[in-house]
Amino acid sequence: MVFGVGPTVHGELSQPLGGEGGGAGGNSIGAQIFPNPNYANQDRKGAPGGGGGGVLHIQSLGDILLVGSLDASGGNGAAGENTIGFDRIGGGGGGGSGGTIIVESSTKVTLFSGATNALVLARGGRRGPGAYAAQADPVPPGTAPGIGHGGRGGKGLVQIKRRHRAK
């Protein structure tokens, strides 16, 4: 099964590119003054961002038969630091961007012949939760959105193509 959202863009890349890592979450200062006299008890660190997806480029002069999954998705952002084990105070990290998957053959590419649960993915990573973290991403309608969540990673690129051999 191949998932896709948005328009199909036709054209060529000058070179395949991997995804970029997500940004780190911001630190939290639990006081109105700086430096905080109670920093050991109140200040919390932001979380790291997820890694960017990689590059996978498969080329063949013959047929290609994909029967498994290919995944160049970005990593998820981490959650901000806790104070009592379940309350996020430090900012959540951003999700990494999806990478690039290119599958090209001079004859034929067959996707998932007889395979079940096979995927080709280059998704962006999920955002890391911040303060008052909602459990789901995206946040369900009618619930508090939370504060200090990281951003979601951007989409990657999947190209599956057949190139004609020169005669």
Foldseek 3Di string as FASTA:
>chain_A
DEDDDDDDDDDDDPDFWWWAWWAWFQKFQQDPDPPDPPCVQGIWATWETWGTFEEAAAEEQDEAEDAAAAFRATAEWAATDDRPPPFFATATTEWIFFGEYEHEYQPYYHYNDVHPPYYYARHTHHKYAHGPGDPDPPHDPPDDRHPRITHTHHGYYYHYYHHHDDD
